[in-house]
Amino acid sequence: MNSIASASESSHRAGLSLKQVHVRWLITLAVACGAIIVFFPFFWMAVTSLKTAPEIQRVPLQIAPTTGSTSATTSKSSSASPSCATC
């Protein structure tokens, strides 16, 4: 049964002209570029949310944050208000 399916599939692909193959590749390339354009802002928001303010404002843009943002915010908040130790 598999040989029948693969034989019909190969005959179907063999029936495509070179122009049709190029058109399919161009359509696939256009869809892939569109997907990158659509999803890049969401990726950038997720990565930027993990950065500190100096890392966001850095002139040569860096994709990944250099330090964990949770440890940076924890140390800043604990040193900013020492009176909270009695809370």
N, C-alpha and C. Protein backbone atom coordinates (compact mmCIF):
# COMPACT_ATOMS: atom_id res chain seq x y z
N MET A 1 0.83 -1.19 0.00
CA MET A 1 0.00 0.00 0.00
C MET A 1 0.88 1.25 0.00
N ASN A 2 2.00 1.22 0.74
CA ASN A 2 2.88 2.38 0.76
C ASN A 2 3.50 2.65 -0.59
N SER A 3 3.78 1.57 -1.35
CA SER A 3 4.39 1.78 -2.66
C SER A 3 3.42 2.46 -3.61
N ILE A 4 2.13 2.18 -3.46
CA ILE A 4 1.13 2.83 -4.32
C ILE A 4 1.04 4.31 -3.98
N ALA A 5 1.04 4.63 -2.69
CA ALA A 5 0.95 6.03 -2.28
C ALA A 5 2.19 6.79 -2.69
N SER A 6 3.36 6.20 -2.52
CA SER A 6 4.58 6.91 -2.88
C SER A 6 4.71 7.03 -4.39
N ALA A 7 4.22 6.05 -5.13
CA ALA A 7 4.28 6.12 -6.59
C ALA A 7 3.38 7.23 -7.11
N SER A 8 2.18 7.36 -6.54
CA SER A 8 1.29 8.42 -7.01
C SER A 8 1.80 9.79 -6.60
N GLU A 9 2.44 9.87 -5.42
CA GLU A 9 2.99 11.13 -4.96
C GLU A 9 4.16 11.56 -5.84
N SER A 10 5.02 10.62 -6.20
CA SER A 10 6.15 10.97 -7.03
C SER A 10 5.70 11.35 -8.43
N SER A 11 4.66 10.70 -8.95
CA SER A 11 4.16 11.08 -10.27
C SER A 11 3.50 12.45 -10.21
N HIS A 12 2.89 12.78 -9.08
CA HIS A 12 2.28 14.11 -8.93
C HIS A 12 3.36 15.18 -8.92
N ARG A 13 4.44 14.93 -8.19
CA ARG A 13 5.53 15.90 -8.13
C ARG A 13 6.25 16.00 -9.47
N ALA A 14 6.35 14.89 -10.17
CA ALA A 14 7.03 14.91 -11.46
C ALA A 14 6.22 15.70 -12.48
N GLY A 15 4.92 15.82 -12.28
CA GLY A 15 4.07 16.55 -13.20
C GLY A 15 4.19 18.05 -13.07
N LEU A 16 4.85 18.54 -12.02
CA LEU A 16 4.99 19.98 -11.84
C LEU A 16 6.07 20.53 -12.76
N SER A 17 5.79 21.66 -13.35
CA SER A 17 6.80 22.29 -14.18
C SER A 17 7.78 23.05 -13.30
N LEU A 18 8.88 23.43 -13.87
CA LEU A 18 9.90 24.17 -13.12
C LEU A 18 9.35 25.50 -12.64
N LYS A 19 8.50 26.12 -13.43
CA LYS A 19 7.90 27.40 -13.04
C LYS A 19 7.00 27.23 -11.82
N GLN A 20 6.23 26.15 -11.79
CA GLN A 20 5.35 25.89 -10.65
C GLN A 20 6.15 25.63 -9.39
N VAL A 21 7.27 24.94 -9.52
CA VAL A 21 8.14 24.68 -8.36
C VAL A 21 8.70 25.99 -7.84
N HIS A 22 9.13 26.87 -8.75
CA HIS A 22 9.66 28.17 -8.32
C HIS A 22 8.58 29.02 -7.65
N VAL A 23 7.37 28.97 -8.16
CA VAL A 23 6.28 29.72 -7.56
C VAL A 23 5.99 29.21 -6.16
N ARG A 24 6.00 27.89 -5.99
CA ARG A 24 5.77 27.32 -4.65
C ARG A 24 6.86 27.74 -3.68
N TRP A 25 8.11 27.75 -4.14
CA TRP A 25 9.21 28.17 -3.26
C TRP A 25 9.08 29.65 -2.90
N LEU A 26 8.69 30.47 -3.85
CA LEU A 26 8.51 31.89 -3.56
C LEU A 26 7.37 32.12 -2.58
N ILE A 27 6.30 31.37 -2.72
CA ILE A 27 5.18 31.49 -1.78
C ILE A 27 5.62 31.05 -0.38
N THR A 28 6.36 29.95 -0.31
CA THR A 28 6.86 29.47 0.98
C THR A 28 7.79 30.50 1.62
N LEU A 29 8.66 31.09 0.81
CA LEU A 29 9.57 32.11 1.31
C LEU A 29 8.82 33.34 1.80
N ALA A 30 7.80 33.75 1.07
CA ALA A 30 7.00 34.91 1.46
C ALA A 30 6.26 34.65 2.77
N VAL A 31 5.72 33.44 2.93
CA VAL A 31 5.01 33.10 4.18
C VAL A 31 5.99 33.07 5.35
N ALA A 32 7.18 32.52 5.13
CA ALA A 32 8.18 32.47 6.20
C ALA A 32 8.62 33.87 6.61
N CYS A 33 8.84 34.75 5.63
CA CYS A 33 9.22 36.14 5.95
C CYS A 33 8.09 36.86 6.68
N GLY A 34 6.87 36.61 6.27
CA GLY A 34 5.73 37.21 6.96
C GLY A 34 5.61 36.74 8.40
N ALA A 35 5.88 35.45 8.62
CA ALA A 35 5.82 34.93 9.98
C ALA A 35 6.89 35.55 10.86
N ILE A 36 8.07 35.75 10.31
CA ILE A 36 9.15 36.39 11.08
C ILE A 36 8.77 37.83 11.41
N ILE A 37 8.21 38.53 10.45
CA ILE A 37 7.82 39.93 10.68
C ILE A 37 6.72 40.02 11.74
N VAL A 38 5.80 39.08 11.74
CA VAL A 38 4.69 39.11 12.70
C VAL A 38 5.16 38.74 14.10
N PHE A 39 6.01 37.72 14.23
CA PHE A 39 6.37 37.21 15.55
C PHE A 39 7.58 37.88 16.17
N PHE A 40 8.37 38.63 15.40
CA PHE A 40 9.55 39.28 15.97
C PHE A 40 9.20 40.27 17.08
N PRO A 41 8.17 41.12 16.96
CA PRO A 41 7.86 42.03 18.07
C PRO A 41 7.52 41.31 19.38
N PHE A 42 6.85 40.17 19.30
CA PHE A 42 6.55 39.41 20.52
C PHE A 42 7.82 38.85 21.13
N PHE A 43 8.72 38.36 20.29
CA PHE A 43 10.02 37.87 20.77
C PHE A 43 10.79 39.01 21.43
N TRP A 44 10.80 40.18 20.79
CA TRP A 44 11.55 41.32 21.33
C TRP A 44 10.96 41.77 22.67
N MET A 45 9.64 41.78 22.80
CA MET A 45 9.03 42.16 24.08
C MET A 45 9.40 41.18 25.18
N ALA A 46 9.40 39.90 24.87
CA ALA A 46 9.74 38.89 25.88
C ALA A 46 11.19 39.03 26.31
N VAL A 47 12.09 39.23 25.37
CA VAL A 47 13.51 39.36 25.70
C VAL A 47 13.77 40.66 26.44
N THR A 48 13.14 41.74 26.03
CA THR A 48 13.35 43.03 26.68
C THR A 48 12.80 43.05 28.10
N SER A 49 11.77 42.27 28.36
CA SER A 49 11.22 42.25 29.72
C SER A 49 12.19 41.61 30.71
N LEU A 50 13.17 40.87 30.24
CA LEU A 50 14.15 40.24 31.12
C LEU A 50 15.38 41.11 31.34
N LYS A 51 15.46 42.25 30.67
CA LYS A 51 16.64 43.12 30.76
C LYS A 51 16.46 44.20 31.80
N THR A 52 17.57 44.71 32.31
CA THR A 52 17.55 45.88 33.19
C THR A 52 17.53 47.13 32.32
N ALA A 53 17.29 48.29 32.93
CA ALA A 53 17.21 49.55 32.18
C ALA A 53 18.51 49.86 31.44
N PRO A 54 19.68 49.73 32.07
CA PRO A 54 20.91 50.01 31.31
C PRO A 54 21.13 49.05 30.14
N GLU A 55 20.69 47.81 30.28
CA GLU A 55 20.84 46.86 29.18
C GLU A 55 19.91 47.22 28.02
N ILE A 56 18.74 47.77 28.32
CA ILE A 56 17.80 48.18 27.27
C ILE A 56 18.35 49.38 26.51
N GLN A 57 18.99 50.31 27.22
CA GLN A 57 19.46 51.55 26.62
C GLN A 57 20.86 51.42 26.02
N ARG A 58 21.44 50.27 26.07
CA ARG A 58 22.78 50.04 25.54
C ARG A 58 22.78 50.25 24.03
N VAL A 59 23.80 50.99 23.53
CA VAL A 59 23.83 51.34 22.11
C VAL A 59 24.07 50.14 21.21
N PRO A 60 25.09 49.33 21.35
CA PRO A 60 25.08 48.12 20.50
C PRO A 60 24.07 47.14 21.09
N LEU A 61 22.95 46.97 20.40
CA LEU A 61 21.86 46.15 20.93
C LEU A 61 22.33 44.73 21.22
N GLN A 62 21.85 44.21 22.29
CA GLN A 62 22.19 42.86 22.72
C GLN A 62 20.89 42.10 22.87
N ILE A 63 20.82 40.92 22.29
CA ILE A 63 19.56 40.19 22.31
C ILE A 63 19.29 39.57 23.68
N ALA A 64 20.25 38.89 24.24
CA ALA A 64 20.05 38.21 25.53
C ALA A 64 20.53 39.10 26.67
N PRO A 65 19.82 39.11 27.79
CA PRO A 65 20.29 39.88 28.95
C PRO A 65 21.55 39.25 29.54
N THR A 66 22.43 40.10 30.10
CA THR A 66 23.68 39.57 30.64
C THR A 66 23.50 39.00 32.04
N THR A 67 22.59 39.57 32.82
CA THR A 67 22.35 39.07 34.17
C THR A 67 20.87 38.77 34.35
N GLY A 68 20.56 37.97 35.36
CA GLY A 68 19.15 37.71 35.66
C GLY A 68 18.50 38.93 36.24
N SER A 69 17.36 39.31 35.74
CA SER A 69 16.71 40.54 36.20
C SER A 69 16.10 40.38 37.59
N THR A 70 15.77 39.17 38.01
CA THR A 70 15.17 39.00 39.32
C THR A 70 16.17 39.27 40.42
N SER A 71 17.43 38.85 40.24
CA SER A 71 18.43 39.11 41.27
C SER A 71 18.79 40.59 41.33
N ALA A 72 18.77 41.27 40.18
CA ALA A 72 19.09 42.70 40.15
C ALA A 72 17.99 43.51 40.84
N THR A 73 16.74 43.18 40.61
CA THR A 73 15.67 43.94 41.24
C THR A 73 15.55 43.61 42.72
N THR A 74 15.87 42.39 43.12
CA THR A 74 15.81 42.02 44.53
C THR A 74 16.86 42.77 45.33
N SER A 75 18.09 42.86 44.79
CA SER A 75 19.14 43.55 45.53
C SER A 75 18.87 45.05 45.60
N LYS A 76 18.28 45.63 44.55
CA LYS A 76 17.96 47.05 44.57
C LYS A 76 16.86 47.36 45.57
N SER A 77 15.84 46.52 45.62
CA SER A 77 14.73 46.80 46.52
C SER A 77 15.11 46.60 47.98
N SER A 78 15.98 45.65 48.27
CA SER A 78 16.37 45.42 49.65
C SER A 78 17.32 46.50 50.16
N SER A 79 18.16 47.03 49.26
CA SER A 79 19.08 48.10 49.70
C SER A 79 18.39 49.45 49.73
N ALA A 80 17.30 49.61 49.02
CA ALA A 80 16.62 50.92 48.95
C ALA A 80 15.85 51.22 50.24
N SER A 81 15.29 50.20 50.88
CA SER A 81 14.53 50.46 52.10
C SER A 81 14.97 49.50 53.21
N PRO A 82 15.97 49.92 54.01
CA PRO A 82 16.46 49.05 55.09
C PRO A 82 15.45 48.94 56.24
N SER A 83 14.48 49.84 56.32
CA SER A 83 13.53 49.78 57.42
C SER A 83 12.51 48.64 57.23
N CYS A 84 12.51 48.02 56.11
CA CYS A 84 11.56 46.95 55.84
C CYS A 84 11.96 45.66 56.56
N ALA A 85 13.15 45.60 57.13
CA ALA A 85 13.59 44.39 57.83
C ALA A 85 12.75 44.15 59.07
N THR A 86 12.14 45.19 59.63
CA THR A 86 11.32 45.04 60.82
C THR A 86 9.87 44.68 60.48
N CYS A 87 9.51 44.68 59.21
CA CYS A 87 8.14 44.41 58.80
C CYS A 87 7.75 42.97 59.03
